[in-house]
N, C-alpha and C. Protein backbone atom coordinates (compact mmCIF):
# COMPACT_ATOMS: atom_id res chain seq x y z
N UNK A 1 -13.71 5.97 16.07
CA UNK A 1 -13.97 5.85 14.65
C UNK A 1 -14.70 7.09 14.14
N UNK A 2 -15.72 7.52 14.84
CA UNK A 2 -16.50 8.67 14.41
C UNK A 2 -15.63 9.93 14.40
N UNK A 3 -14.76 10.07 15.39
CA UNK A 3 -13.88 11.23 15.43
C UNK A 3 -12.97 11.26 14.21
N UNK A 4 -12.43 10.10 13.82
CA UNK A 4 -11.56 10.04 12.63
C UNK A 4 -12.32 10.46 11.39
N UNK A 5 -13.56 10.01 11.27
CA UNK A 5 -14.37 10.35 10.09
C UNK A 5 -14.65 11.84 10.06
N UNK A 6 -15.04 12.41 11.20
CA UNK A 6 -15.36 13.83 11.26
C UNK A 6 -14.12 14.66 10.93
N UNK A 7 -12.98 14.31 11.51
CA UNK A 7 -11.74 15.04 11.22
C UNK A 7 -11.39 14.95 9.74
N UNK A 8 -11.50 13.77 9.16
CA UNK A 8 -11.19 13.60 7.74
C UNK A 8 -12.14 14.43 6.88
N UNK A 9 -13.42 14.42 7.20
CA UNK A 9 -14.38 15.18 6.40
C UNK A 9 -14.13 16.68 6.51
N UNK A 10 -13.80 17.16 7.71
CA UNK A 10 -13.52 18.58 7.87
C UNK A 10 -12.27 18.96 7.08
N UNK A 11 -11.21 18.15 7.21
CA UNK A 11 -9.98 18.45 6.47
C UNK A 11 -10.20 18.44 4.97
N UNK A 12 -10.98 17.52 4.49
CA UNK A 12 -11.17 17.41 3.05
C UNK A 12 -12.14 18.47 2.52
N UNK A 13 -12.93 19.06 3.38
CA UNK A 13 -13.86 20.09 2.93
C UNK A 13 -13.20 21.45 2.84
N UNK A 14 -12.03 21.60 3.43
CA UNK A 14 -11.35 22.89 3.41
C UNK A 14 -10.57 23.02 2.12
N UNK A 15 -10.94 23.94 1.25
CA UNK A 15 -10.15 24.11 0.05
C UNK A 15 -8.88 24.87 0.40
N UNK A 16 -7.78 24.43 -0.14
CA UNK A 16 -6.51 25.05 0.16
C UNK A 16 -6.00 25.77 -1.07
N UNK A 17 -5.26 26.82 -0.84
CA UNK A 17 -4.74 27.60 -1.95
C UNK A 17 -5.82 28.50 -2.48
N UNK A 18 -5.52 29.15 -3.58
CA UNK A 18 -6.46 30.07 -4.20
C UNK A 18 -7.18 29.35 -5.31
N UNK A 19 -8.46 29.20 -5.18
CA UNK A 19 -9.21 28.60 -6.28
C UNK A 19 -9.69 29.72 -7.18
N UNK A 20 -9.86 29.41 -8.43
CA UNK A 20 -10.23 30.45 -9.36
C UNK A 20 -11.73 30.55 -9.49
N UNK A 21 -12.18 31.60 -10.11
CA UNK A 21 -13.60 31.88 -10.19
C UNK A 21 -14.32 31.05 -11.23
N UNK A 22 -14.19 29.77 -11.13
CA UNK A 22 -14.89 28.90 -12.05
C UNK A 22 -16.38 28.98 -11.73
N UNK A 23 -17.18 29.10 -12.74
CA UNK A 23 -18.61 29.24 -12.53
C UNK A 23 -19.24 27.96 -12.03
N UNK A 24 -20.43 28.12 -11.45
CA UNK A 24 -21.18 26.96 -10.97
C UNK A 24 -21.45 26.00 -12.12
N UNK A 25 -21.64 26.53 -13.32
CA UNK A 25 -21.88 25.68 -14.48
C UNK A 25 -20.71 24.76 -14.75
N UNK A 26 -19.49 25.25 -14.55
CA UNK A 26 -18.31 24.42 -14.76
C UNK A 26 -18.22 23.31 -13.72
N UNK A 27 -18.58 23.62 -12.48
CA UNK A 27 -18.59 22.58 -11.44
C UNK A 27 -19.69 21.57 -11.73
N UNK A 28 -20.81 22.04 -12.26
CA UNK A 28 -21.90 21.13 -12.62
C UNK A 28 -21.45 20.18 -13.73
N UNK A 29 -20.71 20.71 -14.70
CA UNK A 29 -20.19 19.87 -15.79
C UNK A 29 -19.22 18.83 -15.24
N UNK A 30 -18.37 19.26 -14.30
CA UNK A 30 -17.42 18.32 -13.69
C UNK A 30 -18.16 17.26 -12.90
N UNK A 31 -19.19 17.67 -12.18
CA UNK A 31 -20.01 16.71 -11.43
C UNK A 31 -20.66 15.71 -12.38
N UNK A 32 -21.18 16.19 -13.49
CA UNK A 32 -21.82 15.31 -14.48
C UNK A 32 -20.80 14.33 -15.05
N UNK A 33 -19.61 14.81 -15.33
CA UNK A 33 -18.53 13.97 -15.87
C UNK A 33 -18.17 12.86 -14.89
N UNK A 34 -17.99 13.22 -13.62
CA UNK A 34 -17.65 12.25 -12.59
C UNK A 34 -18.80 11.26 -12.39
N UNK A 35 -20.03 11.78 -12.33
CA UNK A 35 -21.18 10.91 -12.09
C UNK A 35 -21.32 9.87 -13.18
N UNK A 36 -21.27 10.29 -14.43
CA UNK A 36 -21.40 9.34 -15.54
C UNK A 36 -20.27 8.31 -15.53
N UNK A 37 -19.06 8.77 -15.27
CA UNK A 37 -17.91 7.86 -15.26
C UNK A 37 -18.05 6.83 -14.14
N UNK A 38 -18.31 7.30 -12.92
CA UNK A 38 -18.37 6.40 -11.77
C UNK A 38 -19.58 5.46 -11.85
N UNK A 39 -20.70 5.94 -12.35
CA UNK A 39 -21.87 5.06 -12.48
C UNK A 39 -21.59 3.92 -13.44
N UNK A 40 -20.79 4.19 -14.45
CA UNK A 40 -20.44 3.14 -15.41
C UNK A 40 -19.40 2.17 -14.82
N UNK A 41 -18.40 2.70 -14.13
CA UNK A 41 -17.30 1.90 -13.61
C UNK A 41 -17.65 1.21 -12.29
N UNK A 42 -18.48 1.84 -11.48
CA UNK A 42 -18.79 1.34 -10.13
C UNK A 42 -20.31 1.12 -9.99
N UNK A 43 -20.87 0.16 -10.73
CA UNK A 43 -22.32 -0.06 -10.62
C UNK A 43 -22.68 -0.49 -9.19
N UNK A 44 -23.82 -0.06 -8.75
CA UNK A 44 -24.28 -0.41 -7.41
C UNK A 44 -23.96 0.65 -6.38
N UNK A 45 -23.14 1.62 -6.74
CA UNK A 45 -22.83 2.72 -5.83
C UNK A 45 -23.83 3.86 -6.07
N UNK A 46 -24.27 4.49 -4.99
CA UNK A 46 -25.19 5.61 -5.05
C UNK A 46 -24.41 6.90 -4.92
N UNK A 47 -24.82 7.91 -5.67
CA UNK A 47 -24.12 9.19 -5.70
C UNK A 47 -24.96 10.29 -5.07
N UNK A 48 -24.29 11.16 -4.35
CA UNK A 48 -24.95 12.34 -3.80
C UNK A 48 -23.94 13.49 -3.84
N UNK A 49 -24.37 14.62 -4.35
CA UNK A 49 -23.49 15.78 -4.39
C UNK A 49 -23.58 16.52 -3.07
N UNK A 50 -22.44 16.91 -2.55
CA UNK A 50 -22.39 17.65 -1.30
C UNK A 50 -22.19 19.13 -1.55
N UNK A 51 -22.25 19.89 -0.50
CA UNK A 51 -22.04 21.33 -0.57
C UNK A 51 -20.84 21.70 0.29
N UNK A 52 -20.05 22.66 -0.17
CA UNK A 52 -18.93 23.12 0.66
C UNK A 52 -19.43 23.78 1.93
N UNK A 53 -18.60 23.79 2.95
CA UNK A 53 -18.98 24.41 4.22
C UNK A 53 -19.30 25.88 4.02
N UNK A 54 -18.45 26.57 3.27
CA UNK A 54 -18.67 27.97 2.93
C UNK A 54 -19.17 28.01 1.49
N UNK A 55 -20.36 28.51 1.27
CA UNK A 55 -21.01 28.45 -0.04
C UNK A 55 -20.21 29.11 -1.16
N UNK A 56 -19.32 30.04 -0.85
CA UNK A 56 -18.56 30.72 -1.88
C UNK A 56 -17.33 29.93 -2.33
N UNK A 57 -17.06 28.82 -1.69
CA UNK A 57 -15.89 28.02 -2.05
C UNK A 57 -16.11 27.35 -3.40
N UNK A 58 -15.05 27.29 -4.16
CA UNK A 58 -15.09 26.69 -5.49
C UNK A 58 -14.57 25.26 -5.39
N UNK A 59 -15.44 24.37 -4.97
CA UNK A 59 -15.04 22.98 -4.80
C UNK A 59 -16.24 22.08 -5.10
N UNK A 60 -15.95 21.00 -5.78
CA UNK A 60 -16.97 19.98 -6.05
C UNK A 60 -16.83 18.91 -4.99
N UNK A 61 -17.92 18.58 -4.32
CA UNK A 61 -17.90 17.54 -3.30
C UNK A 61 -18.91 16.48 -3.70
N UNK A 62 -18.44 15.24 -3.76
CA UNK A 62 -19.30 14.11 -4.10
C UNK A 62 -19.16 13.04 -3.05
N UNK A 63 -20.27 12.39 -2.75
CA UNK A 63 -20.29 11.25 -1.84
C UNK A 63 -20.79 10.04 -2.63
N UNK A 64 -20.15 8.92 -2.41
CA UNK A 64 -20.54 7.67 -3.05
C UNK A 64 -20.79 6.64 -1.96
N UNK A 65 -21.91 5.94 -2.05
CA UNK A 65 -22.31 4.98 -1.02
C UNK A 65 -22.62 3.62 -1.62
N UNK A 66 -22.22 2.59 -0.91
CA UNK A 66 -22.61 1.22 -1.25
C UNK A 66 -22.58 0.42 0.04
N UNK A 67 -23.67 -0.21 0.34
CA UNK A 67 -23.76 -1.04 1.54
C UNK A 67 -23.33 -0.22 2.75
N UNK A 68 -22.31 -0.66 3.44
CA UNK A 68 -21.83 0.04 4.62
C UNK A 68 -20.47 0.70 4.36
N UNK A 69 -20.31 1.20 3.15
CA UNK A 69 -19.09 1.89 2.74
C UNK A 69 -19.46 3.25 2.17
N UNK A 70 -18.61 4.23 2.38
CA UNK A 70 -18.83 5.54 1.77
C UNK A 70 -17.48 6.15 1.39
N UNK A 71 -17.52 6.90 0.30
CA UNK A 71 -16.32 7.56 -0.21
C UNK A 71 -16.68 9.01 -0.50
N UNK A 72 -15.81 9.90 -0.07
CA UNK A 72 -15.98 11.32 -0.35
C UNK A 72 -14.86 11.75 -1.29
N UNK A 73 -15.25 12.43 -2.37
CA UNK A 73 -14.30 12.97 -3.32
C UNK A 73 -14.53 14.48 -3.38
N UNK A 74 -13.48 15.25 -3.14
CA UNK A 74 -13.55 16.70 -3.26
C UNK A 74 -12.57 17.13 -4.33
N UNK A 75 -13.03 17.94 -5.27
CA UNK A 75 -12.18 18.42 -6.35
C UNK A 75 -12.11 19.93 -6.26
N UNK A 76 -10.89 20.45 -6.08
CA UNK A 76 -10.66 21.89 -6.00
C UNK A 76 -9.91 22.34 -7.23
N UNK A 77 -10.60 22.97 -8.19
CA UNK A 77 -9.91 23.48 -9.37
C UNK A 77 -9.17 24.77 -9.05
N UNK A 78 -8.04 24.99 -9.70
CA UNK A 78 -7.22 26.18 -9.50
C UNK A 78 -7.01 26.86 -10.84
N UNK A 79 -6.43 28.06 -10.80
CA UNK A 79 -6.20 28.83 -12.02
C UNK A 79 -5.22 28.16 -12.96
N UNK A 80 -4.23 27.47 -12.39
CA UNK A 80 -3.19 26.86 -13.21
C UNK A 80 -2.65 25.61 -12.53
N UNK A 81 -1.89 24.84 -13.28
CA UNK A 81 -1.25 23.67 -12.70
C UNK A 81 -0.26 24.05 -11.62
N UNK A 82 0.44 25.16 -11.80
CA UNK A 82 1.41 25.62 -10.80
C UNK A 82 0.72 26.02 -9.51
N UNK A 83 -0.41 26.70 -9.63
CA UNK A 83 -1.16 27.07 -8.43
C UNK A 83 -1.68 25.82 -7.71
N UNK A 84 -2.13 24.84 -8.46
CA UNK A 84 -2.59 23.58 -7.87
C UNK A 84 -1.44 22.86 -7.17
N UNK A 85 -0.26 22.87 -7.79
CA UNK A 85 0.92 22.24 -7.19
C UNK A 85 1.25 22.91 -5.86
N UNK A 86 1.24 24.24 -5.85
CA UNK A 86 1.54 24.99 -4.62
C UNK A 86 0.51 24.68 -3.53
N UNK A 87 -0.77 24.60 -3.91
CA UNK A 87 -1.82 24.29 -2.94
C UNK A 87 -1.63 22.90 -2.35
N UNK A 88 -1.28 21.94 -3.20
CA UNK A 88 -1.06 20.58 -2.73
C UNK A 88 0.14 20.52 -1.79
N UNK A 89 1.22 21.18 -2.17
CA UNK A 89 2.42 21.18 -1.33
C UNK A 89 2.15 21.86 0.02
N UNK A 90 1.39 22.94 0.01
CA UNK A 90 1.04 23.62 1.26
C UNK A 90 0.20 22.71 2.16
N UNK A 91 -0.66 21.93 1.55
CA UNK A 91 -1.52 21.02 2.30
C UNK A 91 -0.73 19.86 2.91
N UNK A 92 0.12 19.25 2.11
CA UNK A 92 0.77 17.99 2.51
C UNK A 92 2.03 18.21 3.35
N UNK A 93 2.60 19.40 3.35
CA UNK A 93 3.88 19.60 4.03
C UNK A 93 3.81 19.36 5.54
N UNK A 94 2.64 19.49 6.11
CA UNK A 94 2.49 19.27 7.56
C UNK A 94 2.14 17.83 7.91
N UNK A 95 2.00 17.00 6.92
CA UNK A 95 1.66 15.59 7.16
C UNK A 95 2.95 14.78 7.10
N UNK A 96 3.58 14.60 8.26
CA UNK A 96 4.89 13.95 8.33
C UNK A 96 4.85 12.48 7.91
N UNK A 97 3.76 11.80 8.22
CA UNK A 97 3.67 10.37 7.93
C UNK A 97 2.90 10.12 6.64
N UNK A 98 3.35 10.77 5.60
CA UNK A 98 2.68 10.61 4.30
C UNK A 98 3.44 9.61 3.45
N UNK A 99 2.73 9.05 2.53
CA UNK A 99 3.29 8.08 1.58
C UNK A 99 3.12 8.68 0.19
N UNK A 100 4.20 8.71 -0.58
CA UNK A 100 4.11 9.18 -1.96
C UNK A 100 3.52 8.08 -2.81
N UNK A 101 2.54 8.43 -3.62
CA UNK A 101 1.87 7.46 -4.48
C UNK A 101 2.34 7.65 -5.92
N UNK A 102 2.55 6.56 -6.60
CA UNK A 102 2.90 6.59 -8.02
C UNK A 102 1.62 6.42 -8.83
N UNK A 103 1.60 6.95 -10.02
CA UNK A 103 0.49 6.79 -10.96
C UNK A 103 -0.82 7.39 -10.46
N UNK A 104 -0.74 8.45 -9.68
CA UNK A 104 -1.92 9.16 -9.23
C UNK A 104 -1.80 10.60 -9.68
N UNK A 105 -2.23 10.84 -10.89
CA UNK A 105 -2.15 12.19 -11.43
C UNK A 105 -0.71 12.63 -11.59
N UNK A 106 -0.48 13.92 -11.39
CA UNK A 106 0.85 14.48 -11.52
C UNK A 106 1.68 14.26 -10.26
N UNK A 107 1.03 14.17 -9.13
CA UNK A 107 1.66 13.81 -7.86
C UNK A 107 0.55 13.42 -6.90
N UNK A 108 0.85 12.48 -6.03
CA UNK A 108 -0.17 12.02 -5.10
C UNK A 108 0.41 11.53 -3.79
N UNK A 109 -0.39 11.60 -2.75
CA UNK A 109 0.04 11.22 -1.41
C UNK A 109 -1.10 10.52 -0.67
N UNK A 110 -0.71 9.65 0.26
CA UNK A 110 -1.66 9.00 1.16
C UNK A 110 -1.18 9.24 2.59
N UNK A 111 -2.10 9.32 3.53
CA UNK A 111 -1.77 9.51 4.93
C UNK A 111 -2.96 9.07 5.77
N UNK A 112 -2.79 9.14 7.06
CA UNK A 112 -3.90 8.89 7.97
C UNK A 112 -4.10 7.42 8.29
N UNK A 113 -5.25 7.13 8.82
CA UNK A 113 -5.61 5.79 9.29
C UNK A 113 -5.51 4.79 8.14
N UNK A 114 -4.54 3.91 8.21
CA UNK A 114 -4.33 2.92 7.17
C UNK A 114 -3.93 3.53 5.83
N UNK A 115 -3.43 4.77 5.86
CA UNK A 115 -3.09 5.51 4.64
C UNK A 115 -4.29 5.58 3.69
N UNK A 116 -5.46 5.77 4.28
CA UNK A 116 -6.69 5.76 3.48
C UNK A 116 -7.10 7.14 2.99
N UNK A 117 -6.46 8.20 3.46
CA UNK A 117 -6.72 9.53 2.93
C UNK A 117 -5.77 9.76 1.77
N UNK A 118 -6.30 10.19 0.65
CA UNK A 118 -5.49 10.38 -0.54
C UNK A 118 -5.73 11.78 -1.09
N UNK A 119 -4.66 12.40 -1.52
CA UNK A 119 -4.75 13.67 -2.23
C UNK A 119 -3.83 13.57 -3.44
N UNK A 120 -4.30 14.07 -4.57
CA UNK A 120 -3.46 14.09 -5.75
C UNK A 120 -3.79 15.31 -6.59
N UNK A 121 -2.85 15.64 -7.46
CA UNK A 121 -3.04 16.75 -8.38
C UNK A 121 -3.05 16.20 -9.80
N UNK A 122 -4.00 16.71 -10.57
CA UNK A 122 -4.06 16.37 -11.99
C UNK A 122 -4.29 17.68 -12.72
N UNK A 123 -3.27 18.14 -13.42
CA UNK A 123 -3.38 19.43 -14.08
C UNK A 123 -3.60 20.53 -13.09
N UNK A 124 -4.69 21.26 -13.24
CA UNK A 124 -4.99 22.37 -12.34
C UNK A 124 -5.99 22.01 -11.24
N UNK A 125 -6.25 20.73 -11.06
CA UNK A 125 -7.19 20.28 -10.02
C UNK A 125 -6.46 19.51 -8.92
N UNK A 126 -6.86 19.77 -7.69
CA UNK A 126 -6.40 18.98 -6.55
C UNK A 126 -7.60 18.17 -6.08
N UNK A 127 -7.39 16.87 -5.93
CA UNK A 127 -8.48 15.95 -5.60
C UNK A 127 -8.17 15.28 -4.26
N UNK A 128 -9.16 15.29 -3.38
CA UNK A 128 -9.05 14.67 -2.06
C UNK A 128 -10.03 13.51 -2.00
N UNK A 129 -9.57 12.36 -1.51
CA UNK A 129 -10.42 11.18 -1.40
C UNK A 129 -10.31 10.64 0.03
N UNK A 130 -11.44 10.40 0.64
CA UNK A 130 -11.46 9.77 1.96
C UNK A 130 -12.58 8.74 1.98
N UNK A 131 -12.39 7.72 2.80
CA UNK A 131 -13.30 6.58 2.82
C UNK A 131 -13.70 6.24 4.25
N UNK A 132 -14.89 5.71 4.37
CA UNK A 132 -15.34 5.16 5.65
C UNK A 132 -15.90 3.77 5.39
N UNK A 133 -15.50 2.82 6.20
CA UNK A 133 -15.99 1.45 6.09
C UNK A 133 -16.53 1.02 7.45
N UNK A 134 -17.82 0.80 7.52
CA UNK A 134 -18.45 0.36 8.77
C UNK A 134 -18.35 -1.15 8.86
N UNK A 135 -17.22 -1.63 9.29
CA UNK A 135 -16.93 -3.06 9.34
C UNK A 135 -17.87 -3.79 10.31
N UNK A 136 -18.27 -3.12 11.38
CA UNK A 136 -19.16 -3.76 12.35
C UNK A 136 -20.52 -4.12 11.74
N UNK A 137 -20.85 -3.52 10.61
CA UNK A 137 -22.11 -3.83 9.93
C UNK A 137 -21.94 -4.96 8.91
N UNK A 138 -20.72 -5.44 8.69
CA UNK A 138 -20.50 -6.56 7.78
C UNK A 138 -21.18 -7.81 8.34
N UNK A 139 -21.69 -8.67 7.47
CA UNK A 139 -22.40 -9.87 7.94
C UNK A 139 -21.57 -10.77 8.86
N UNK A 140 -20.27 -10.83 8.63
CA UNK A 140 -19.43 -11.72 9.44
C UNK A 140 -18.70 -10.99 10.56
N UNK A 141 -19.05 -9.75 10.85
CA UNK A 141 -18.33 -8.94 11.83
C UNK A 141 -18.27 -9.60 13.21
N UNK A 142 -19.32 -10.28 13.59
CA UNK A 142 -19.35 -10.89 14.93
C UNK A 142 -18.38 -12.06 15.07
N UNK A 143 -17.96 -12.60 13.94
CA UNK A 143 -17.01 -13.72 14.01
C UNK A 143 -15.57 -13.24 14.04
N UNK A 144 -15.36 -11.94 13.88
CA UNK A 144 -14.01 -11.39 13.86
C UNK A 144 -13.60 -10.88 15.23
N UNK A 145 -12.32 -11.00 15.53
CA UNK A 145 -11.80 -10.40 16.75
C UNK A 145 -11.71 -8.89 16.54
N UNK A 146 -11.52 -8.17 17.62
CA UNK A 146 -11.37 -6.71 17.52
C UNK A 146 -10.20 -6.36 16.61
N UNK A 147 -9.10 -7.05 16.75
CA UNK A 147 -7.92 -6.80 15.91
C UNK A 147 -8.23 -7.08 14.44
N UNK A 148 -8.94 -8.14 14.16
CA UNK A 148 -9.31 -8.47 12.78
C UNK A 148 -10.24 -7.40 12.19
N UNK A 149 -11.14 -6.87 13.01
CA UNK A 149 -12.02 -5.81 12.53
C UNK A 149 -11.22 -4.55 12.20
N UNK A 150 -10.27 -4.19 13.07
CA UNK A 150 -9.43 -3.02 12.81
C UNK A 150 -8.63 -3.20 11.52
N UNK A 151 -8.07 -4.37 11.35
CA UNK A 151 -7.28 -4.64 10.14
C UNK A 151 -8.14 -4.61 8.89
N UNK A 152 -9.34 -5.18 8.97
CA UNK A 152 -10.23 -5.14 7.82
C UNK A 152 -10.64 -3.71 7.52
N UNK A 153 -10.94 -2.96 8.56
CA UNK A 153 -11.34 -1.57 8.37
C UNK A 153 -10.24 -0.78 7.66
N UNK A 154 -9.01 -0.89 8.14
CA UNK A 154 -7.90 -0.17 7.52
C UNK A 154 -7.68 -0.61 6.08
N UNK A 155 -7.66 -1.91 5.85
CA UNK A 155 -7.38 -2.40 4.49
C UNK A 155 -8.52 -2.07 3.53
N UNK A 156 -9.76 -2.13 4.00
CA UNK A 156 -10.90 -1.82 3.15
C UNK A 156 -10.94 -0.33 2.82
N UNK A 157 -10.66 0.51 3.81
CA UNK A 157 -10.65 1.94 3.56
C UNK A 157 -9.53 2.31 2.58
N UNK A 158 -8.37 1.73 2.74
CA UNK A 158 -7.27 2.02 1.82
C UNK A 158 -7.61 1.52 0.41
N UNK A 159 -8.13 0.31 0.32
CA UNK A 159 -8.47 -0.26 -0.99
C UNK A 159 -9.45 0.63 -1.74
N UNK A 160 -10.51 1.03 -1.05
CA UNK A 160 -11.52 1.87 -1.69
C UNK A 160 -10.98 3.25 -2.06
N UNK A 161 -10.18 3.83 -1.19
CA UNK A 161 -9.60 5.15 -1.48
C UNK A 161 -8.70 5.07 -2.72
N UNK A 162 -7.87 4.05 -2.79
CA UNK A 162 -7.00 3.88 -3.95
C UNK A 162 -7.82 3.66 -5.22
N UNK A 163 -8.83 2.82 -5.12
CA UNK A 163 -9.66 2.52 -6.28
C UNK A 163 -10.38 3.78 -6.79
N UNK A 164 -11.01 4.51 -5.87
CA UNK A 164 -11.73 5.71 -6.28
C UNK A 164 -10.77 6.80 -6.77
N UNK A 165 -9.60 6.92 -6.17
CA UNK A 165 -8.63 7.91 -6.63
C UNK A 165 -8.18 7.60 -8.05
N UNK A 166 -7.92 6.33 -8.34
CA UNK A 166 -7.52 5.96 -9.71
C UNK A 166 -8.64 6.27 -10.70
N UNK A 167 -9.87 5.99 -10.32
CA UNK A 167 -11.00 6.29 -11.20
C UNK A 167 -11.16 7.82 -11.35
N UNK A 168 -10.90 8.57 -10.30
CA UNK A 168 -11.01 10.03 -10.39
C UNK A 168 -9.99 10.59 -11.38
N UNK A 169 -8.76 10.04 -11.37
CA UNK A 169 -7.75 10.45 -12.35
C UNK A 169 -8.28 10.20 -13.76
N UNK A 170 -8.80 9.00 -13.98
CA UNK A 170 -9.33 8.66 -15.30
C UNK A 170 -10.50 9.54 -15.70
N UNK A 171 -11.38 9.86 -14.74
CA UNK A 171 -12.53 10.72 -15.04
C UNK A 171 -12.06 12.11 -15.44
N UNK A 172 -11.05 12.63 -14.73
CA UNK A 172 -10.54 13.95 -15.09
C UNK A 172 -9.93 13.98 -16.48
N UNK A 173 -9.34 12.86 -16.89
CA UNK A 173 -8.69 12.78 -18.19
C UNK A 173 -9.68 12.65 -19.35
N UNK A 174 -10.91 12.28 -19.05
CA UNK A 174 -11.92 12.11 -20.10
C UNK A 174 -12.30 13.48 -20.68
N UNK A 175 -12.57 13.53 -21.99
CA UNK A 175 -12.97 14.82 -22.58
C UNK A 175 -14.35 15.26 -22.11
């Protein structure tokens, strides 16, 4: 489980394609927009802004926590919608077991454990969403079989990723 989380976090922290020289102020505005939107839509979740692995990268990284669940959202703005499309296609072309998602921005895909990793493009932004659900910390975890825990973990991670991705699309669309 930990290996899957680490791999997902590393993959989602890598910005793909050429990002444009958007100032830190613009990323701060985007962070503020997302924070206000998610705090209103997802009460009870705690927000923490992350930092890219390489400080010069132009990417907004946000972590959202509630109970024993966490969601990471990375937003990579690009110079244009076409550049964002190319970056998304370059990223997803090597993921053979991907699922095309409808109603997720201009194009969206899911892959990975329970199809819980999501990437979509909205205009000139590419958004990556990944989730972790610590099912063993759930109050009823001891009453579940190993198979039931795996199934709950996959379904909970997918549910949260889809929910946060839909909210991210809406947040991007807000003025």
